[in-house]
Protein backbone atom coordinates (compact mmCIF):
# COMPACT_ATOMS: atom_id res chain seq x y z
CA UNK A 1 0.00 0.00 0.00
CA UNK A 2 1.27 3.46 -0.91
CA UNK A 3 1.67 6.24 1.63
CA UNK A 4 -0.14 9.57 1.46
CA UNK A 5 2.30 12.34 2.33
CA UNK A 6 1.50 15.96 3.09
CA UNK A 7 4.49 18.06 2.04
CA UNK A 8 4.63 21.79 2.61
CA UNK A 9 7.08 24.66 2.82
CA UNK A 10 6.11 26.91 5.72
CA UNK A 11 7.36 29.88 7.70
CA UNK A 12 8.74 29.16 11.14
CA UNK A 13 5.46 30.45 12.59
CA UNK A 14 3.57 27.86 10.54
CA UNK A 15 2.15 29.60 7.46
CA UNK A 16 2.28 28.51 3.81
CA UNK A 17 1.15 31.98 2.65
CA UNK A 18 1.42 35.33 4.39
CA UNK A 19 -1.61 37.54 5.06
CA UNK A 20 -1.32 38.99 1.54
CA UNK A 21 -1.40 35.53 -0.07
CA UNK A 22 2.29 35.70 -0.96
CA UNK A 23 4.81 32.88 -0.57
CA UNK A 24 7.84 34.30 -2.40
CA UNK A 25 9.66 34.26 0.95
CA UNK A 26 9.51 30.43 0.80
CA UNK A 27 11.43 30.00 -2.49
CA UNK A 28 14.03 27.28 -1.85
CA UNK A 29 17.71 27.83 -2.57
CA UNK A 30 19.56 25.29 -4.74
CA UNK A 31 20.54 23.04 -1.81
CA UNK A 32 16.96 22.82 -0.52
CA UNK A 33 15.52 22.45 -4.04
CA UNK A 34 17.81 19.49 -4.77
CA UNK A 35 16.66 17.87 -1.50
CA UNK A 36 13.00 18.46 -2.39
CA UNK A 37 13.62 16.90 -5.81
CA UNK A 38 14.81 13.71 -4.12
CA UNK A 39 11.72 13.68 -1.87
CA UNK A 40 9.44 14.11 -4.88
CA UNK A 41 11.19 11.71 -7.26
CA UNK A 42 9.34 8.54 -6.07
CA UNK A 43 5.89 10.20 -6.04
CA UNK A 44 3.42 8.66 -8.46
CA UNK A 45 0.40 10.92 -7.90
CA UNK A 46 -0.15 14.44 -6.64
CA UNK A 47 -3.50 15.35 -5.07
CA UNK A 48 -4.23 19.07 -5.24
CA UNK A 49 -6.86 21.63 -4.48
CA UNK A 50 -7.52 24.04 -7.36
CA UNK A 51 -5.37 26.90 -6.09
CA UNK A 52 -2.34 24.69 -5.41
CA UNK A 53 -2.77 23.05 -8.81
CA UNK A 54 -2.89 26.43 -10.54
CA UNK A 55 0.33 27.40 -8.75
CA UNK A 56 2.02 24.16 -9.78
CA UNK A 57 1.13 24.51 -13.47
CA UNK A 58 4.22 26.72 -13.61
CA UNK A 59 6.18 23.47 -14.05
CA UNK A 60 4.57 22.63 -17.40
CA UNK A 61 6.05 23.41 -19.82
CA UNK A 62 9.54 23.15 -18.33
CA UNK A 63 10.74 26.59 -17.20
CA UNK A 64 14.26 27.66 -18.04
CA UNK A 65 16.75 27.61 -15.26
CA UNK A 66 19.51 25.67 -13.57
CA UNK A 67 19.47 21.85 -13.61
CA UNK A 68 17.69 21.68 -10.23
CA UNK A 69 14.72 23.53 -11.81
CA UNK A 70 14.51 21.42 -14.97
CA UNK A 71 14.90 18.26 -12.87
CA UNK A 72 11.92 19.19 -10.69
CA UNK A 73 9.84 19.99 -13.76
CA UNK A 74 10.58 16.53 -15.20
CA UNK A 75 9.67 14.87 -11.88
CA UNK A 76 6.41 16.82 -11.66
CA UNK A 77 5.43 16.23 -15.29
CA UNK A 78 6.03 12.45 -14.96
CA UNK A 79 3.52 12.05 -12.11
CA UNK A 80 -0.26 11.82 -12.30
CA UNK A 81 -2.26 14.68 -10.86
CA UNK A 82 -5.77 14.74 -9.38
CA UNK A 83 -7.32 18.16 -8.81
CA UNK A 84 -10.29 18.54 -6.46
CA UNK A 85 -12.33 21.48 -7.68
CA UNK A 86 -15.95 22.42 -8.22
CA UNK A 87 -14.97 25.31 -10.51
CA UNK A 88 -12.09 24.09 -12.69
CA UNK A 89 -13.62 23.02 -15.98
CA UNK A 90 -10.65 21.15 -17.41
CA UNK A 91 -7.00 20.64 -16.50
CA UNK A 92 -4.32 22.59 -18.35
CA UNK A 93 -1.56 20.00 -17.84
CA UNK A 94 -0.94 16.45 -19.01
CA UNK A 95 -1.60 13.41 -16.80
CA UNK A 96 -4.23 15.39 -14.87
CA UNK A 97 -7.87 14.73 -14.04
CA UNK A 98 -10.42 16.81 -12.14
CA UNK A 99 -12.64 15.42 -9.39
CA UNK A 100 -15.52 17.57 -8.17
CA UNK A 101 -15.46 16.41 -4.54
CA UNK A 102 -12.82 15.06 -2.17
CA UNK A 103 -13.87 11.47 -1.51
CA UNK A 104 -11.96 9.91 1.40
CA UNK A 105 -12.99 6.38 0.42
CA UNK A 106 -11.75 6.89 -3.15
CA UNK A 107 -8.41 8.17 -1.82
CA UNK A 108 -8.20 5.18 0.52
CA UNK A 109 -8.71 2.87 -2.49
CA UNK A 110 -6.14 4.83 -4.49
CA UNK A 111 -3.58 4.38 -1.70
CA UNK A 112 -4.31 0.66 -1.58
CA UNK A 113 -3.97 0.21 -5.37
CA UNK A 114 -1.03 2.57 -6.04
CA UNK A 115 2.46 1.33 -6.78
CA UNK A 116 4.07 4.62 -5.74
CA UNK A 117 3.47 7.10 -2.93
CA UNK A 118 0.99 9.95 -3.23
CA UNK A 119 1.36 13.48 -1.96
CA UNK A 120 -1.33 15.94 -1.09
CA UNK A 121 -0.77 19.64 -1.69
CA UNK A 122 -2.70 22.58 -0.39
CA UNK A 123 -3.26 23.17 3.29
CA UNK A 124 -7.06 23.02 3.17
CA UNK A 125 -7.18 19.77 1.18
CA UNK A 126 -4.47 18.27 3.37
CA UNK A 127 -6.51 19.23 6.44
CA UNK A 128 -9.47 17.25 5.08
CA UNK A 129 -7.23 14.24 4.46
CA UNK A 130 -5.65 14.47 7.92
CA UNK A 131 -9.10 14.64 9.52
CA UNK A 132 -10.15 11.55 7.52
CA UNK A 133 -7.13 9.63 8.82
CA UNK A 134 -5.63 9.29 5.33
CA UNK A 135 -2.29 11.06 5.76
CA UNK A 136 0.55 8.77 6.79
CA UNK A 137 3.35 11.30 6.92
CA UNK A 138 4.01 15.04 7.25
CA UNK A 139 7.03 16.50 5.50
CA UNK A 140 7.45 20.10 6.58
CA UNK A 141 10.23 22.34 5.36
CA UNK A 142 10.40 25.30 7.73
CA UNK A 143 12.10 28.39 6.36
CA UNK A 144 13.73 31.01 8.60
CA UNK A 145 10.98 33.58 8.25
CA UNK A 146 8.17 34.85 10.48
CA UNK A 147 5.21 36.16 8.50
CA UNK A 148 2.84 36.87 11.39
CA UNK A 149 -0.31 35.43 9.84
CA UNK A 150 -1.87 34.07 6.70
CA UNK A 151 -2.81 30.54 5.66
CA UNK A 152 -1.76 27.97 8.28
CA UNK A 153 0.16 24.91 7.07
CA UNK A 154 -1.76 22.66 9.46
CA UNK A 155 -5.32 22.59 10.76
CA UNK A 156 -5.74 24.34 14.11
CA UNK A 157 -8.69 22.27 15.33
CA UNK A 158 -7.07 18.86 15.28
CA UNK A 159 -5.00 16.80 17.69
CA UNK A 160 -2.90 13.96 16.23
CA UNK A 161 0.15 12.34 17.86
CA UNK A 162 3.29 12.33 15.69
CA UNK A 163 6.57 10.45 15.62
CA UNK A 164 9.65 12.32 14.37
CA UNK A 165 11.42 10.04 11.87
CA UNK A 166 13.82 12.45 10.15
CA UNK A 167 15.24 15.92 10.53
CA UNK A 168 17.73 17.90 8.52
CA UNK A 169 19.18 21.38 8.77
CA UNK A 170 20.27 23.32 5.67
CA UNK A 171 23.02 25.87 5.25
CA UNK A 172 20.58 28.74 4.64
CA UNK A 173 18.71 28.04 7.89
CA UNK A 174 15.79 25.95 6.62
CA UNK A 175 14.89 22.84 8.62
CA UNK A 176 13.20 19.71 7.27
CA UNK A 177 11.02 17.66 9.62
CA UNK A 178 9.42 14.35 8.66
CA UNK A 179 6.81 12.95 11.03
CA UNK A 180 4.74 9.79 10.91
CA UNK A 181 1.14 10.30 12.01
CA UNK A 182 0.14 7.97 14.82
CA UNK A 183 -3.60 7.85 14.25
CA UNK A 184 -5.31 6.39 17.32
C-alpha atoms as a PDB file:
ATOM      1  CA  UNK A   1       0.000   0.000   0.000  1.00  0.00           C
ATOM      2  CA  UNK A   2       1.271   3.455  -0.908  1.00  0.00           C
ATOM      3  CA  UNK A   3       1.669   6.239   1.630  1.00  0.00           C
ATOM      4  CA  UNK A   4      -0.139   9.572   1.464  1.00  0.00           C
ATOM      5  CA  UNK A   5       2.299  12.342   2.335  1.00  0.00           C
ATOM      6  CA  UNK A   6       1.502  15.959   3.094  1.00  0.00           C
ATOM      7  CA  UNK A   7       4.489  18.061   2.040  1.00  0.00           C
ATOM      8  CA  UNK A   8       4.630  21.794   2.611  1.00  0.00           C
ATOM      9  CA  UNK A   9       7.077  24.659   2.820  1.00  0.00           C
ATOM     10  CA  UNK A  10       6.114  26.907   5.722  1.00  0.00           C
ATOM     11  CA  UNK A  11       7.363  29.878   7.695  1.00  0.00           C
ATOM     12  CA  UNK A  12       8.741  29.165  11.136  1.00  0.00           C
ATOM     13  CA  UNK A  13       5.462  30.446  12.589  1.00  0.00           C
ATOM     14  CA  UNK A  14       3.566  27.860  10.537  1.00  0.00           C
ATOM     15  CA  UNK A  15       2.148  29.599   7.463  1.00  0.00           C
ATOM     16  CA  UNK A  16       2.282  28.512   3.811  1.00  0.00           C
ATOM     17  CA  UNK A  17       1.147  31.975   2.653  1.00  0.00           C
ATOM     18  CA  UNK A  18       1.422  35.330   4.388  1.00  0.00           C
ATOM     19  CA  UNK A  19      -1.606  37.537   5.064  1.00  0.00           C
ATOM     20  CA  UNK A  20      -1.315  38.991   1.542  1.00  0.00           C
ATOM     21  CA  UNK A  21      -1.396  35.525  -0.068  1.00  0.00           C
ATOM     22  CA  UNK A  22       2.295  35.696  -0.958  1.00  0.00           C
ATOM     23  CA  UNK A  23       4.810  32.882  -0.574  1.00  0.00           C
ATOM     24  CA  UNK A  24       7.839  34.304  -2.402  1.00  0.00           C
ATOM     25  CA  UNK A  25       9.657  34.258   0.950  1.00  0.00           C
ATOM     26  CA  UNK A  26       9.511  30.430   0.797  1.00  0.00           C
ATOM     27  CA  UNK A  27      11.432  29.997  -2.488  1.00  0.00           C
ATOM     28  CA  UNK A  28      14.032  27.283  -1.852  1.00  0.00           C
ATOM     29  CA  UNK A  29      17.705  27.825  -2.569  1.00  0.00           C
ATOM     30  CA  UNK A  30      19.558  25.295  -4.741  1.00  0.00           C
ATOM     31  CA  UNK A  31      20.537  23.036  -1.813  1.00  0.00           C
ATOM     32  CA  UNK A  32      16.960  22.816  -0.524  1.00  0.00           C
ATOM     33  CA  UNK A  33      15.518  22.451  -4.040  1.00  0.00           C
ATOM     34  CA  UNK A  34      17.808  19.486  -4.767  1.00  0.00           C
ATOM     35  CA  UNK A  35      16.658  17.874  -1.497  1.00  0.00           C
ATOM     36  CA  UNK A  36      12.999  18.463  -2.390  1.00  0.00           C
ATOM     37  CA  UNK A  37      13.615  16.898  -5.808  1.00  0.00           C
ATOM     38  CA  UNK A  38      14.808  13.712  -4.118  1.00  0.00           C
ATOM     39  CA  UNK A  39      11.720  13.681  -1.874  1.00  0.00           C
ATOM     40  CA  UNK A  40       9.435  14.113  -4.878  1.00  0.00           C
ATOM     41  CA  UNK A  41      11.188  11.706  -7.261  1.00  0.00           C
ATOM     42  CA  UNK A  42       9.339   8.544  -6.067  1.00  0.00           C
ATOM     43  CA  UNK A  43       5.885  10.199  -6.040  1.00  0.00           C
ATOM     44  CA  UNK A  44       3.421   8.659  -8.462  1.00  0.00           C
ATOM     45  CA  UNK A  45       0.399  10.919  -7.902  1.00  0.00           C
ATOM     46  CA  UNK A  46      -0.153  14.443  -6.644  1.00  0.00           C
ATOM     47  CA  UNK A  47      -3.501  15.355  -5.067  1.00  0.00           C
ATOM     48  CA  UNK A  48      -4.234  19.074  -5.236  1.00  0.00           C
ATOM     49  CA  UNK A  49      -6.859  21.631  -4.477  1.00  0.00           C
ATOM     50  CA  UNK A  50      -7.520  24.040  -7.360  1.00  0.00           C
ATOM     51  CA  UNK A  51      -5.367  26.902  -6.085  1.00  0.00           C
ATOM     52  CA  UNK A  52      -2.340  24.688  -5.410  1.00  0.00           C
ATOM     53  CA  UNK A  53      -2.768  23.053  -8.813  1.00  0.00           C
ATOM     54  CA  UNK A  54      -2.892  26.426 -10.545  1.00  0.00           C
ATOM     55  CA  UNK A  55       0.326  27.402  -8.751  1.00  0.00           C
ATOM     56  CA  UNK A  56       2.023  24.155  -9.776  1.00  0.00           C
ATOM     57  CA  UNK A  57       1.127  24.507 -13.468  1.00  0.00           C
ATOM     58  CA  UNK A  58       4.220  26.721 -13.610  1.00  0.00           C
ATOM     59  CA  UNK A  59       6.184  23.471 -14.048  1.00  0.00           C
ATOM     60  CA  UNK A  60       4.565  22.630 -17.398  1.00  0.00           C
ATOM     61  CA  UNK A  61       6.055  23.414 -19.820  1.00  0.00           C
ATOM     62  CA  UNK A  62       9.539  23.154 -18.332  1.00  0.00           C
ATOM     63  CA  UNK A  63      10.740  26.589 -17.196  1.00  0.00           C
ATOM     64  CA  UNK A  64      14.264  27.663 -18.045  1.00  0.00           C
ATOM     65  CA  UNK A  65      16.749  27.614 -15.256  1.00  0.00           C
ATOM     66  CA  UNK A  66      19.509  25.670 -13.571  1.00  0.00           C
ATOM     67  CA  UNK A  67      19.470  21.846 -13.609  1.00  0.00           C
ATOM     68  CA  UNK A  68      17.688  21.676 -10.227  1.00  0.00           C
ATOM     69  CA  UNK A  69      14.724  23.532 -11.805  1.00  0.00           C
ATOM     70  CA  UNK A  70      14.506  21.418 -14.965  1.00  0.00           C
ATOM     71  CA  UNK A  71      14.904  18.264 -12.865  1.00  0.00           C
ATOM     72  CA  UNK A  72      11.925  19.194 -10.695  1.00  0.00           C
ATOM     73  CA  UNK A  73       9.842  19.989 -13.763  1.00  0.00           C
ATOM     74  CA  UNK A  74      10.579  16.534 -15.198  1.00  0.00           C
ATOM     75  CA  UNK A  75       9.671  14.874 -11.885  1.00  0.00           C
ATOM     76  CA  UNK A  76       6.409  16.817 -11.663  1.00  0.00           C
ATOM     77  CA  UNK A  77       5.434  16.229 -15.286  1.00  0.00           C
ATOM     78  CA  UNK A  78       6.026  12.448 -14.959  1.00  0.00           C
ATOM     79  CA  UNK A  79       3.519  12.053 -12.108  1.00  0.00           C
ATOM     80  CA  UNK A  80      -0.258  11.815 -12.304  1.00  0.00           C
ATOM     81  CA  UNK A  81      -2.258  14.681 -10.857  1.00  0.00           C
ATOM     82  CA  UNK A  82      -5.770  14.741  -9.383  1.00  0.00           C
ATOM     83  CA  UNK A  83      -7.321  18.161  -8.805  1.00  0.00           C
ATOM     84  CA  UNK A  84     -10.289  18.543  -6.458  1.00  0.00           C
ATOM     85  CA  UNK A  85     -12.330  21.478  -7.680  1.00  0.00           C
ATOM     86  CA  UNK A  86     -15.948  22.415  -8.223  1.00  0.00           C
ATOM     87  CA  UNK A  87     -14.966  25.313 -10.506  1.00  0.00           C
ATOM     88  CA  UNK A  88     -12.087  24.087 -12.689  1.00  0.00           C
ATOM     89  CA  UNK A  89     -13.622  23.024 -15.983  1.00  0.00           C
ATOM     90  CA  UNK A  90     -10.651  21.146 -17.407  1.00  0.00           C
ATOM     91  CA  UNK A  91      -6.997  20.640 -16.495  1.00  0.00           C
ATOM     92  CA  UNK A  92      -4.325  22.585 -18.352  1.00  0.00           C
ATOM     93  CA  UNK A  93      -1.563  20.002 -17.837  1.00  0.00           C
ATOM     94  CA  UNK A  94      -0.937  16.447 -19.005  1.00  0.00           C
ATOM     95  CA  UNK A  95      -1.602  13.413 -16.801  1.00  0.00           C
ATOM     96  CA  UNK A  96      -4.231  15.390 -14.866  1.00  0.00           C
ATOM     97  CA  UNK A  97      -7.867  14.733 -14.042  1.00  0.00           C
ATOM     98  CA  UNK A  98     -10.417  16.807 -12.143  1.00  0.00           C
ATOM     99  CA  UNK A  99     -12.637  15.416  -9.389  1.00  0.00           C
ATOM    100  CA  UNK A 100     -15.524  17.572  -8.174  1.00  0.00           C
ATOM    101  CA  UNK A 101     -15.457  16.405  -4.537  1.00  0.00           C
ATOM    102  CA  UNK A 102     -12.816  15.063  -2.173  1.00  0.00           C
ATOM    103  CA  UNK A 103     -13.872  11.472  -1.506  1.00  0.00           C
ATOM    104  CA  UNK A 104     -11.962   9.909   1.405  1.00  0.00           C
ATOM    105  CA  UNK A 105     -12.993   6.384   0.421  1.00  0.00           C
ATOM    106  CA  UNK A 106     -11.746   6.894  -3.150  1.00  0.00           C
ATOM    107  CA  UNK A 107      -8.405   8.170  -1.824  1.00  0.00           C
ATOM    108  CA  UNK A 108      -8.203   5.182   0.522  1.00  0.00           C
ATOM    109  CA  UNK A 109      -8.715   2.875  -2.495  1.00  0.00           C
ATOM    110  CA  UNK A 110      -6.142   4.826  -4.495  1.00  0.00           C
ATOM    111  CA  UNK A 111      -3.576   4.377  -1.705  1.00  0.00           C
ATOM    112  CA  UNK A 112      -4.313   0.662  -1.583  1.00  0.00           C
ATOM    113  CA  UNK A 113      -3.967   0.206  -5.366  1.00  0.00           C
ATOM    114  CA  UNK A 114      -1.030   2.574  -6.036  1.00  0.00           C
ATOM    115  CA  UNK A 115       2.459   1.335  -6.784  1.00  0.00           C
ATOM    116  CA  UNK A 116       4.067   4.623  -5.736  1.00  0.00           C
ATOM    117  CA  UNK A 117       3.472   7.100  -2.931  1.00  0.00           C
ATOM    118  CA  UNK A 118       0.990   9.948  -3.230  1.00  0.00           C
ATOM    119  CA  UNK A 119       1.362  13.479  -1.958  1.00  0.00           C
ATOM    120  CA  UNK A 120      -1.333  15.943  -1.092  1.00  0.00           C
ATOM    121  CA  UNK A 121      -0.773  19.636  -1.694  1.00  0.00           C
ATOM    122  CA  UNK A 122      -2.703  22.580  -0.393  1.00  0.00           C
ATOM    123  CA  UNK A 123      -3.262  23.174   3.295  1.00  0.00           C
ATOM    124  CA  UNK A 124      -7.059  23.024   3.172  1.00  0.00           C
ATOM    125  CA  UNK A 125      -7.182  19.773   1.179  1.00  0.00           C
ATOM    126  CA  UNK A 126      -4.471  18.271   3.372  1.00  0.00           C
ATOM    127  CA  UNK A 127      -6.512  19.227   6.439  1.00  0.00           C
ATOM    128  CA  UNK A 128      -9.468  17.249   5.078  1.00  0.00           C
ATOM    129  CA  UNK A 129      -7.234  14.240   4.457  1.00  0.00           C
ATOM    130  CA  UNK A 130      -5.646  14.467   7.919  1.00  0.00           C
ATOM    131  CA  UNK A 131      -9.104  14.638   9.520  1.00  0.00           C
ATOM    132  CA  UNK A 132     -10.153  11.555   7.515  1.00  0.00           C
ATOM    133  CA  UNK A 133      -7.126   9.629   8.819  1.00  0.00           C
ATOM    134  CA  UNK A 134      -5.630   9.286   5.333  1.00  0.00           C
ATOM    135  CA  UNK A 135      -2.288  11.059   5.760  1.00  0.00           C
ATOM    136  CA  UNK A 136       0.550   8.774   6.786  1.00  0.00           C
ATOM    137  CA  UNK A 137       3.346  11.302   6.920  1.00  0.00           C
ATOM    138  CA  UNK A 138       4.008  15.037   7.252  1.00  0.00           C
ATOM    139  CA  UNK A 139       7.031  16.504   5.503  1.00  0.00           C
ATOM    140  CA  UNK A 140       7.452  20.102   6.582  1.00  0.00           C
ATOM    141  CA  UNK A 141      10.230  22.340   5.364  1.00  0.00           C
ATOM    142  CA  UNK A 142      10.402  25.296   7.731  1.00  0.00           C
ATOM    143  CA  UNK A 143      12.099  28.394   6.356  1.00  0.00           C
ATOM    144  CA  UNK A 144      13.733  31.008   8.601  1.00  0.00           C
ATOM    145  CA  UNK A 145      10.977  33.584   8.251  1.00  0.00           C
ATOM    146  CA  UNK A 146       8.174  34.847  10.485  1.00  0.00           C
ATOM    147  CA  UNK A 147       5.215  36.164   8.502  1.00  0.00           C
ATOM    148  CA  UNK A 148       2.836  36.867  11.387  1.00  0.00           C
ATOM    149  CA  UNK A 149      -0.307  35.430   9.842  1.00  0.00           C
ATOM    150  CA  UNK A 150      -1.866  34.074   6.701  1.00  0.00           C
ATOM    151  CA  UNK A 151      -2.813  30.541   5.660  1.00  0.00           C
ATOM    152  CA  UNK A 152      -1.755  27.968   8.282  1.00  0.00           C
ATOM    153  CA  UNK A 153       0.156  24.914   7.068  1.00  0.00           C
ATOM    154  CA  UNK A 154      -1.758  22.658   9.458  1.00  0.00           C
ATOM    155  CA  UNK A 155      -5.323  22.594  10.762  1.00  0.00           C
ATOM    156  CA  UNK A 156      -5.738  24.338  14.112  1.00  0.00           C
ATOM    157  CA  UNK A 157      -8.688  22.275  15.326  1.00  0.00           C
ATOM    158  CA  UNK A 158      -7.069  18.859  15.278  1.00  0.00           C
ATOM    159  CA  UNK A 159      -5.003  16.802  17.687  1.00  0.00           C
ATOM    160  CA  UNK A 160      -2.895  13.965  16.234  1.00  0.00           C
ATOM    161  CA  UNK A 161       0.147  12.337  17.858  1.00  0.00           C
ATOM    162  CA  UNK A 162       3.288  12.334  15.694  1.00  0.00           C
ATOM    163  CA  UNK A 163       6.572  10.454  15.622  1.00  0.00           C
ATOM    164  CA  UNK A 164       9.648  12.319  14.369  1.00  0.00           C
ATOM    165  CA  UNK A 165      11.416  10.040  11.867  1.00  0.00           C
ATOM    166  CA  UNK A 166      13.818  12.446  10.152  1.00  0.00           C
ATOM    167  CA  UNK A 167      15.236  15.921  10.532  1.00  0.00           C
ATOM    168  CA  UNK A 168      17.729  17.899   8.519  1.00  0.00           C
ATOM    169  CA  UNK A 169      19.176  21.377   8.768  1.00  0.00           C
ATOM    170  CA  UNK A 170      20.273  23.315   5.671  1.00  0.00           C
ATOM    171  CA  UNK A 171      23.024  25.874   5.254  1.00  0.00           C
ATOM    172  CA  UNK A 172      20.578  28.736   4.639  1.00  0.00           C
ATOM    173  CA  UNK A 173      18.711  28.040   7.887  1.00  0.00           C
ATOM    174  CA  UNK A 174      15.785  25.951   6.616  1.00  0.00           C
ATOM    175  CA  UNK A 175      14.895  22.845   8.623  1.00  0.00           C
ATOM    176  CA  UNK A 176      13.198  19.713   7.268  1.00  0.00           C
ATOM    177  CA  UNK A 177      11.018  17.659   9.616  1.00  0.00           C
ATOM    178  CA  UNK A 178       9.419  14.350   8.657  1.00  0.00           C
ATOM    179  CA  UNK A 179       6.810  12.946  11.032  1.00  0.00           C
ATOM    180  CA  UNK A 180       4.737   9.787  10.909  1.00  0.00           C
ATOM    181  CA  UNK A 181       1.138  10.300  12.008  1.00  0.00           C
ATOM    182  CA  UNK A 182       0.140   7.974  14.823  1.00  0.00           C
ATOM    183  CA  UNK A 183      -3.600   7.854  14.250  1.00  0.00           C
ATOM    184  CA  UNK A 184      -5.309   6.388  17.318  1.00  0.00           C
END
